[in-house]
Amino acid sequence: MEFFRDTHIDFMKYRKYFIVVSVVFIMVTLLAVFVHGHLNLGIDFVGGTQVTVKFHQPPVIDELREVMSKAGVEDAQIQSFGSAGENEALIRTSTVPDQEEGMQGVVLSALDQRFNAGATSDFDLNQRGSEVLSDLLFEHDPDQVRQQDEEVAHNHYDQVAESVLDIRRLSGLFDSWESLSEVSAVSAETLTVLRQNTHMGEFAVLAVESVGPQIGAELRRKGVLAIISSLIGMLIYIWFRFELRYGFGALVAVIHDVLIVLGLFALAGFEFNLTTIAGLLTLVGYSVNDTVVVFDRVRENLRRSRRERLIDVMNKSLNQTLSRTVLTSGTTLLVVGSLMFLGGDVLRSFAFILTLGVIVGTYSSIYIASPFALLWEQVFGRSAQQ
């Protein structure tokens, strides 16, 4: 299937104007990032503790900030998380010297004092794990299996505890005892013991991440090295696979794509973490792949018409690959666009990079890679020596 057949668009005619537009756009995005306050670095790179919490009611961010402030966590960054109705909040704190677990204990203790002050017991079903729940059931032995064999009893209550926790994992947190009464592994006697010895707190911890400052610095260094290494690797590959002029054009196009996407990513306020690095590396691969297709056609056409000017061959090659470029970019854009709007908060930043990367990468393979390959030829190639 082809959308464009026998086109004769003079792409190279306005190449200088597009290069100027790209340079201006890169400068604006970088300046905007600087004014905006740099990247919103996640705990992967700056270190600290990040706690994702789910509440029964929609969390009030100002109230959570007050709770953290009273607990001595002055620099906590708190924001709503997830879609509307999920009642989730993300609490991020800075690193604590010589403390591997970070501020997790302080954060949870402060939340407990505020939201679970009137709890009837110390055992919170919305926070405790399956092992301690199994131990509690084993101690009370509601199903009367411990008298027969203790090992059998341990296995029995391990399964019961896992069944209870499976329900919590599905809903995020318990909000009523009726949800447990429907679990086949939970007998009426077990439910009675749970009612008497546990309580359902007002919040549940969905995830906790803690990264020390040294690890964060190491991840930053490795992330930057990964991107730089990929750029150098692409340059070397295209240099040997084609010629240095094409490698130069591809390298400039990739740097162009990364800078623009990174600037827009920062302006959008997404968190810059290891997933972001993965997205940028994917962008590098996609951009180079699209550029290589064009350069491969340029090389084929140069073999067929050696006397034709390089600028004319590039125009012809871009027109010949236009349909393939539009189809590939269009179908990819449908996938990553759907991922961005329907994939949830966890994948949104990654899909955002890929969506912008497809658009910017398609543009750069036409108006950045080819013009700079032509520029290299004009300055250092045979045309410059004549």
Protein backbone atom coordinates (compact mmCIF):
# COMPACT_ATOMS: atom_id res chain seq x y z
CA MET A 1 0.00 0.00 0.00
CA GLU A 2 1.30 3.44 -0.95
CA PHE A 3 -0.05 6.88 -0.09
CA PHE A 4 2.43 8.83 -2.20
CA ARG A 5 3.40 7.72 -5.68
CA ASP A 6 5.78 9.45 -8.06
CA THR A 7 6.14 12.57 -5.90
CA HIS A 8 8.63 15.30 -6.81
CA ILE A 9 8.84 17.37 -3.64
CA ASP A 10 11.96 19.51 -3.39
CA PHE A 11 12.80 18.73 0.24
CA MET A 12 16.32 20.14 0.03
CA LYS A 13 15.21 23.52 -1.31
CA TYR A 14 14.21 24.84 2.10
CA ARG A 15 16.66 22.82 4.19
CA LYS A 16 18.42 25.89 5.59
CA TYR A 17 15.15 27.35 6.85
CA PHE A 18 14.20 24.12 8.58
CA ILE A 19 17.64 23.87 10.19
CA VAL A 20 17.27 27.40 11.55
CA VAL A 21 13.80 26.56 12.87
CA SER A 22 15.16 23.45 14.60
CA VAL A 23 18.07 25.35 16.17
CA VAL A 24 15.72 28.05 17.46
CA PHE A 25 13.32 25.43 18.79
CA ILE A 26 16.13 23.61 20.60
CA MET A 27 17.35 26.85 22.16
CA VAL A 28 13.84 27.78 23.29
CA THR A 29 13.18 24.37 24.84
CA LEU A 30 16.54 24.31 26.63
CA LEU A 31 16.05 27.83 27.95
CA ALA A 32 12.54 26.94 29.01
CA VAL A 33 13.85 23.88 30.82
CA PHE A 34 16.42 26.03 32.60
CA VAL A 35 13.82 28.62 33.61
CA HIS A 36 11.35 25.88 34.46
CA GLY A 37 13.75 24.48 37.05
CA HIS A 38 15.61 21.74 35.19
CA LEU A 39 14.37 18.19 34.97
CA ASN A 40 12.03 16.72 37.53
CA LEU A 41 14.53 14.07 38.58
CA GLY A 42 13.03 10.99 40.22
CA ILE A 43 14.47 9.15 43.20
CA ASP A 44 16.34 6.87 40.78
CA PHE A 45 18.80 9.74 40.26
CA VAL A 46 18.57 12.05 43.28
CA GLY A 47 17.94 9.38 45.93
CA GLY A 48 15.28 9.44 48.61
CA THR A 49 12.08 7.63 49.50
CA GLN A 50 8.92 7.46 47.42
CA VAL A 51 5.71 6.07 48.95
CA THR A 52 2.53 5.49 46.95
CA VAL A 53 -0.53 5.48 49.22
CA LYS A 54 -4.20 4.68 48.55
CA PHE A 55 -6.96 6.16 50.72
CA HIS A 56 -10.65 5.44 51.20
CA GLN A 57 -11.47 9.07 50.40
CA PRO A 58 -9.84 11.44 47.89
CA PRO A 59 -6.64 12.69 49.57
CA VAL A 60 -6.31 16.39 50.37
CA ILE A 61 -2.79 17.33 49.30
CA ASP A 62 -2.53 20.34 51.64
CA GLU A 63 -3.57 18.15 54.58
CA LEU A 64 -0.90 15.57 53.71
CA ARG A 65 1.70 18.33 53.51
CA GLU A 66 0.69 19.51 56.97
CA VAL A 67 0.94 15.96 58.33
CA MET A 68 4.44 15.55 56.89
CA SER A 69 5.51 18.96 58.16
CA LYS A 70 4.40 18.15 61.71
CA ALA A 71 6.41 14.91 61.48
CA GLY A 72 9.54 16.90 60.60
CA VAL A 73 9.52 16.05 56.88
CA GLU A 74 9.72 19.61 55.59
CA ASP A 75 10.84 18.92 52.03
CA ALA A 76 8.23 16.29 51.13
CA GLN A 77 6.88 16.47 47.59
CA ILE A 78 3.26 15.32 47.51
CA GLN A 79 1.00 14.93 44.50
CA SER A 80 -2.10 13.09 43.41
CA PHE A 81 -1.41 9.87 41.55
CA GLY A 82 -3.48 7.67 39.27
CA SER A 83 -6.80 8.52 37.66
CA ALA A 84 -9.72 10.22 39.37
CA GLY A 85 -11.52 7.95 41.79
CA GLU A 86 -8.48 5.84 42.68
CA ASN A 87 -7.71 8.11 45.68
CA GLU A 88 -3.96 7.67 45.44
CA ALA A 89 -1.16 10.01 46.46
CA LEU A 90 2.59 9.94 45.92
CA ILE A 91 4.83 11.15 48.77
CA ARG A 92 8.50 11.73 47.99
CA THR A 93 11.16 12.69 50.54
CA SER A 94 14.86 13.42 50.29
CA THR A 95 17.68 11.10 51.29
CA VAL A 96 18.67 10.47 54.89
CA PRO A 97 22.44 10.10 55.55
CA ASP A 98 23.49 6.66 56.84
CA GLN A 99 19.94 5.35 56.68
CA GLU A 100 19.22 2.73 54.01
CA GLU A 101 15.44 2.61 54.50
CA GLY A 102 15.11 6.39 54.14
CA MET A 103 12.04 8.15 55.53
CA GLN A 104 9.59 5.29 55.02
CA GLY A 105 9.05 4.69 58.75
CA VAL A 106 8.58 8.39 59.53
CA VAL A 107 6.08 8.86 56.68
CA LEU A 108 3.96 5.83 57.60
CA SER A 109 4.04 6.67 61.30
CA ALA A 110 2.82 10.20 60.60
CA LEU A 111 0.01 8.92 58.39
CA ASP A 112 -0.99 6.38 61.04
CA GLN A 113 -1.20 9.04 63.74
CA ARG A 114 -3.39 11.20 61.55
CA PHE A 115 -5.70 8.67 59.89
CA ASN A 116 -5.66 5.62 62.19
CA ALA A 117 -5.57 7.28 65.60
CA GLY A 118 -8.80 5.59 66.72
CA ALA A 119 -7.90 2.07 65.58
CA THR A 120 -9.19 -0.78 67.75
CA SER A 121 -6.02 -2.89 67.35
CA ASP A 122 -2.38 -2.65 66.32
CA PHE A 123 -2.79 -5.03 63.40
CA ASP A 124 -3.77 -3.16 60.23
CA LEU A 125 -5.02 -5.45 57.45
CA ASN A 126 -4.36 -2.71 54.92
CA GLN A 127 -0.64 -2.58 55.74
CA ARG A 128 0.53 -5.92 57.13
CA GLY A 129 1.96 -8.67 54.96
CA SER A 130 0.89 -12.28 54.51
CA GLU A 131 3.58 -13.74 56.82
CA VAL A 132 2.53 -11.80 59.92
CA LEU A 133 -1.13 -12.40 59.09
CA SER A 134 -0.43 -16.12 58.84
CA ASP A 135 1.34 -16.02 62.24
CA LEU A 136 -1.62 -14.26 63.83
CA LEU A 137 -4.07 -16.84 62.50
CA PHE A 138 -1.78 -19.68 63.56
CA GLU A 139 -1.66 -18.27 67.08
CA HIS A 140 -5.47 -18.09 67.41
CA ASP A 141 -6.10 -21.22 65.30
CA PRO A 142 -9.72 -20.43 64.36
CA ASP A 143 -10.04 -23.51 62.13
CA GLN A 144 -8.72 -25.86 64.85
CA VAL A 145 -5.99 -27.44 62.72
CA ARG A 146 -2.95 -26.77 64.91
CA GLN A 147 -3.87 -29.58 67.32
CA GLN A 148 -3.59 -32.13 64.51
CA ASP A 149 -0.22 -31.08 63.05
CA GLU A 150 1.62 -27.76 63.39
CA GLU A 151 3.23 -27.97 59.96
CA VAL A 152 -0.14 -28.61 58.36
CA ALA A 153 -1.54 -25.68 60.34
CA HIS A 154 1.24 -23.37 59.12
CA ASN A 155 0.59 -24.34 55.50
CA HIS A 156 -3.15 -23.94 56.00
CA TYR A 157 -2.94 -20.43 57.43
CA ASP A 158 -0.31 -19.44 54.86
CA GLN A 159 -2.88 -20.19 52.15
CA VAL A 160 -5.61 -18.33 54.04
CA ALA A 161 -3.35 -15.29 54.49
CA GLU A 162 -2.42 -15.29 50.79
CA SER A 163 -6.12 -15.49 49.85
CA VAL A 164 -6.84 -12.46 52.05
CA LEU A 165 -3.92 -10.49 50.61
CA ASP A 166 -4.98 -11.37 47.04
CA ILE A 167 -8.25 -9.52 47.67
CA ARG A 168 -6.32 -6.49 48.92
CA ARG A 169 -4.04 -6.52 45.90
CA LEU A 170 -7.03 -6.44 43.55
CA SER A 171 -8.82 -3.54 45.20
CA GLY A 172 -5.83 -1.73 46.66
CA LEU A 173 -7.21 -1.72 50.20
CA PHE A 174 -10.01 -3.24 52.29
CA ASP A 175 -13.01 -1.06 52.98
CA SER A 176 -15.48 -3.54 54.53
CA TRP A 177 -15.56 -6.98 56.14
CA GLU A 178 -18.03 -8.14 53.50
CA SER A 179 -15.21 -8.32 50.98
CA LEU A 180 -13.55 -11.01 53.15
CA SER A 181 -16.71 -12.98 53.81
CA GLU A 182 -16.85 -13.85 50.10
CA VAL A 183 -13.39 -15.51 50.16
CA SER A 184 -13.83 -19.29 50.18
CA ALA A 185 -10.61 -19.87 52.16
CA VAL A 186 -11.81 -17.59 54.98
CA SER A 187 -14.13 -19.49 57.31
CA ALA A 188 -16.67 -17.83 59.58
CA GLU A 189 -14.42 -18.54 62.57
CA THR A 190 -11.40 -16.99 60.81
CA LEU A 191 -13.45 -13.91 59.94
CA THR A 192 -14.47 -13.59 63.59
CA VAL A 193 -10.83 -13.74 64.70
CA LEU A 194 -9.91 -11.08 62.13
CA ARG A 195 -12.72 -8.81 63.31
CA GLN A 196 -11.61 -9.14 66.93
CA ASN A 197 -7.84 -8.79 66.46
CA THR A 198 -7.34 -6.60 63.40
CA HIS A 199 -8.70 -3.44 61.88
CA MET A 200 -8.97 -1.98 58.38
CA GLY A 201 -6.96 1.23 58.30
CA GLU A 202 -7.80 4.33 56.33
CA PHE A 203 -4.96 3.89 53.86
CA ALA A 204 -2.81 1.21 52.23
CA VAL A 205 0.76 1.38 50.97
CA LEU A 206 0.85 0.35 47.31
CA ALA A 207 4.59 0.78 46.70
CA VAL A 208 7.74 1.96 48.45
CA GLU A 209 11.01 2.86 46.74
CA SER A 210 14.17 3.91 48.56
CA VAL A 211 17.40 4.89 46.83
CA GLY A 212 20.54 6.11 48.59
CA PRO A 213 22.44 9.20 47.37
CA GLN A 214 25.45 7.18 46.18
CA ILE A 215 23.26 4.80 44.19
CA GLY A 216 21.37 7.76 42.71
CA ALA A 217 24.61 9.39 41.58
CA GLU A 218 25.78 6.10 40.07
CA LEU A 219 22.51 5.66 38.18
CA ARG A 220 22.78 9.23 36.86
CA ARG A 221 26.29 8.57 35.60
CA LYS A 222 25.34 5.27 33.98
CA GLY A 223 22.22 6.78 32.39
CA VAL A 224 24.22 9.56 30.75
CA LEU A 225 26.88 7.08 29.63
CA ALA A 226 24.20 4.81 28.14
CA ILE A 227 22.84 7.63 25.96
CA ILE A 228 26.30 8.86 24.91
CA SER A 229 27.48 5.32 24.16
CA SER A 230 24.43 4.67 22.00
CA LEU A 231 25.07 7.85 20.00
CA ILE A 232 28.72 6.95 19.44
CA GLY A 233 27.77 3.37 18.54
CA MET A 234 25.26 4.58 15.96
CA LEU A 235 27.86 6.92 14.44
CA ILE A 236 30.44 4.13 14.16
CA TYR A 237 27.92 1.67 12.70
CA ILE A 238 26.70 4.04 10.00
CA TRP A 239 30.28 5.14 9.27
CA PHE A 240 31.31 1.56 8.49
CA ARG A 241 27.96 0.53 6.99
CA PHE A 242 27.73 3.56 4.70
CA GLU A 243 30.10 6.54 4.84
CA LEU A 244 31.18 9.07 7.45
CA ARG A 245 29.02 11.80 5.91
CA TYR A 246 25.91 9.71 6.54
CA GLY A 247 27.06 8.93 10.07
CA PHE A 248 27.47 12.64 10.74
CA GLY A 249 23.99 13.39 9.42
CA ALA A 250 22.43 10.60 11.48
CA LEU A 251 24.28 11.68 14.64
CA VAL A 252 23.11 15.30 14.30
CA ALA A 253 19.54 14.11 13.71
CA VAL A 254 19.57 11.90 16.80
CA ILE A 255 21.03 14.65 19.02
CA HIS A 256 18.38 16.98 17.59
CA ASP A 257 15.61 14.51 18.46
CA VAL A 258 16.87 13.83 21.98
CA LEU A 259 17.24 17.52 22.85
CA ILE A 260 13.81 18.52 21.57
CA VAL A 261 12.01 15.57 23.17
CA LEU A 262 13.90 16.05 26.43
CA GLY A 263 12.95 19.73 26.52
CA LEU A 264 9.27 19.04 25.89
CA PHE A 265 9.37 16.18 28.39
CA ALA A 266 10.69 18.51 31.10
CA LEU A 267 8.13 21.21 30.26
CA ALA A 268 5.36 18.63 30.59
CA GLY A 269 6.49 18.02 34.17
CA PHE A 270 7.02 14.26 33.93
CA GLU A 271 9.41 12.58 36.33
CA PHE A 272 12.81 11.82 34.82
CA ASN A 273 13.76 8.30 35.91
CA LEU A 274 15.19 5.06 34.54
CA THR A 275 12.06 4.54 32.43
CA THR A 276 12.80 7.88 30.79
CA ILE A 277 16.32 6.70 29.89
CA ALA A 278 14.79 3.59 28.33
CA GLY A 279 12.44 5.80 26.32
CA LEU A 280 15.28 8.00 25.07
CA LEU A 281 17.33 4.97 24.05
CA THR A 282 14.31 3.62 22.17
CA LEU A 283 13.97 7.02 20.51
CA VAL A 284 17.62 6.87 19.41
CA GLY A 285 17.06 3.48 17.81
CA TYR A 286 13.86 4.53 16.04
CA SER A 287 15.34 7.78 14.73
CA VAL A 288 18.44 6.07 13.32
CA ASN A 289 16.37 3.30 11.78
CA ASP A 290 14.25 5.79 9.85
CA THR A 291 17.36 7.69 8.76
CA VAL A 292 19.18 4.54 7.63
CA VAL A 293 16.29 3.66 5.29
CA VAL A 294 16.68 7.02 3.54
CA PHE A 295 20.47 6.78 3.36
CA ASP A 296 20.30 3.26 1.99
CA ARG A 297 18.13 4.50 -0.87
CA VAL A 298 20.56 7.39 -1.44
CA ARG A 299 23.43 4.93 -1.77
CA GLU A 300 21.50 2.78 -4.23
CA ASN A 301 20.61 5.78 -6.38
CA LEU A 302 24.19 7.04 -6.35
CA ARG A 303 25.35 3.72 -7.79
CA ARG A 304 22.82 4.01 -10.61
CA SER A 305 23.55 7.64 -11.50
CA ARG A 306 27.09 8.50 -10.50
CA ARG A 307 27.11 11.82 -12.37
CA GLU A 308 23.99 13.16 -10.69
CA ARG A 309 24.46 15.73 -7.95
CA LEU A 310 24.15 14.49 -4.37
CA ILE A 311 21.44 17.04 -3.54
CA ASP A 312 19.31 15.77 -6.43
CA VAL A 313 19.87 12.15 -5.43
CA MET A 314 18.80 12.97 -1.87
CA ASN A 315 15.62 14.64 -3.09
CA LYS A 316 14.82 11.64 -5.26
CA SER A 317 15.53 9.21 -2.41
CA LEU A 318 13.38 11.14 0.07
CA ASN A 319 10.48 11.09 -2.38
CA GLN A 320 10.91 7.37 -3.02
CA THR A 321 10.89 6.54 0.71
CA LEU A 322 8.16 9.04 1.63
CA SER A 323 5.33 6.50 1.51
CA ARG A 324 7.27 4.02 3.65
CA THR A 325 8.15 6.76 6.14
CA VAL A 326 4.54 7.94 6.50
CA LEU A 327 3.15 4.41 6.85
CA THR A 328 5.76 3.31 9.40
CA SER A 329 5.50 6.50 11.46
CA GLY A 330 1.72 6.55 11.26
CA THR A 331 1.21 3.00 12.48
CA THR A 332 3.83 3.42 15.22
CA LEU A 333 2.18 6.66 16.29
CA LEU A 334 -1.17 4.91 16.67
CA VAL A 335 0.37 2.35 19.03
CA VAL A 336 2.41 4.70 21.23
CA GLY A 337 -0.39 7.28 21.22
CA SER A 338 -2.83 4.67 22.52
CA LEU A 339 -0.26 3.65 25.12
CA MET A 340 0.09 7.26 26.27
CA PHE A 341 -3.66 7.88 26.70
CA LEU A 342 -4.72 4.43 27.87
CA GLY A 343 -1.60 2.97 29.51
CA GLY A 344 -1.95 4.68 32.90
CA ASP A 345 0.39 6.92 34.85
CA VAL A 346 3.20 4.38 35.09
CA LEU A 347 3.66 4.15 31.32
CA ARG A 348 2.54 7.67 30.36
CA SER A 349 5.97 9.31 30.54
CA PHE A 350 7.54 6.49 28.50
CA ALA A 351 4.76 6.68 25.88
CA PHE A 352 5.05 10.48 25.82
CA ILE A 353 8.71 10.22 24.81
CA LEU A 354 7.95 7.67 22.09
CA THR A 355 5.01 9.66 20.72
CA LEU A 356 7.06 12.84 20.42
CA GLY A 357 10.03 10.79 19.22
CA VAL A 358 8.11 9.35 16.28
CA ILE A 359 6.98 12.81 15.18
CA VAL A 360 10.32 14.55 15.67
CA GLY A 361 12.28 11.57 14.36
CA THR A 362 10.28 11.49 11.13
CA TYR A 363 10.87 15.21 10.65
CA SER A 364 14.60 14.96 11.38
CA SER A 365 15.21 12.07 8.99
CA ILE A 366 14.06 14.37 6.19
CA TYR A 367 15.08 17.88 7.20
CA ILE A 368 18.06 17.30 9.54
CA ALA A 369 19.90 14.07 8.68
CA SER A 370 20.01 14.53 4.92
CA PRO A 371 20.90 18.26 4.94
CA PHE A 372 23.76 17.69 7.38
CA ALA A 373 25.06 14.75 5.39
CA LEU A 374 25.00 17.07 2.37
CA LEU A 375 26.76 19.77 4.39
CA TRP A 376 29.53 17.34 5.35
CA GLU A 377 30.00 16.44 1.69
CA GLN A 378 30.14 20.12 0.68
CA VAL A 379 32.72 20.96 3.36
CA PHE A 380 34.87 17.83 3.54
CA GLY A 381 33.85 15.70 0.55
CA ARG A 382 34.86 15.53 -3.07
CA SER A 383 32.69 18.46 -4.04
CA ALA A 384 34.73 20.67 -1.67
CA GLN A 385 37.98 19.55 -3.31
CA GLN A 386 36.93 20.40 -6.85
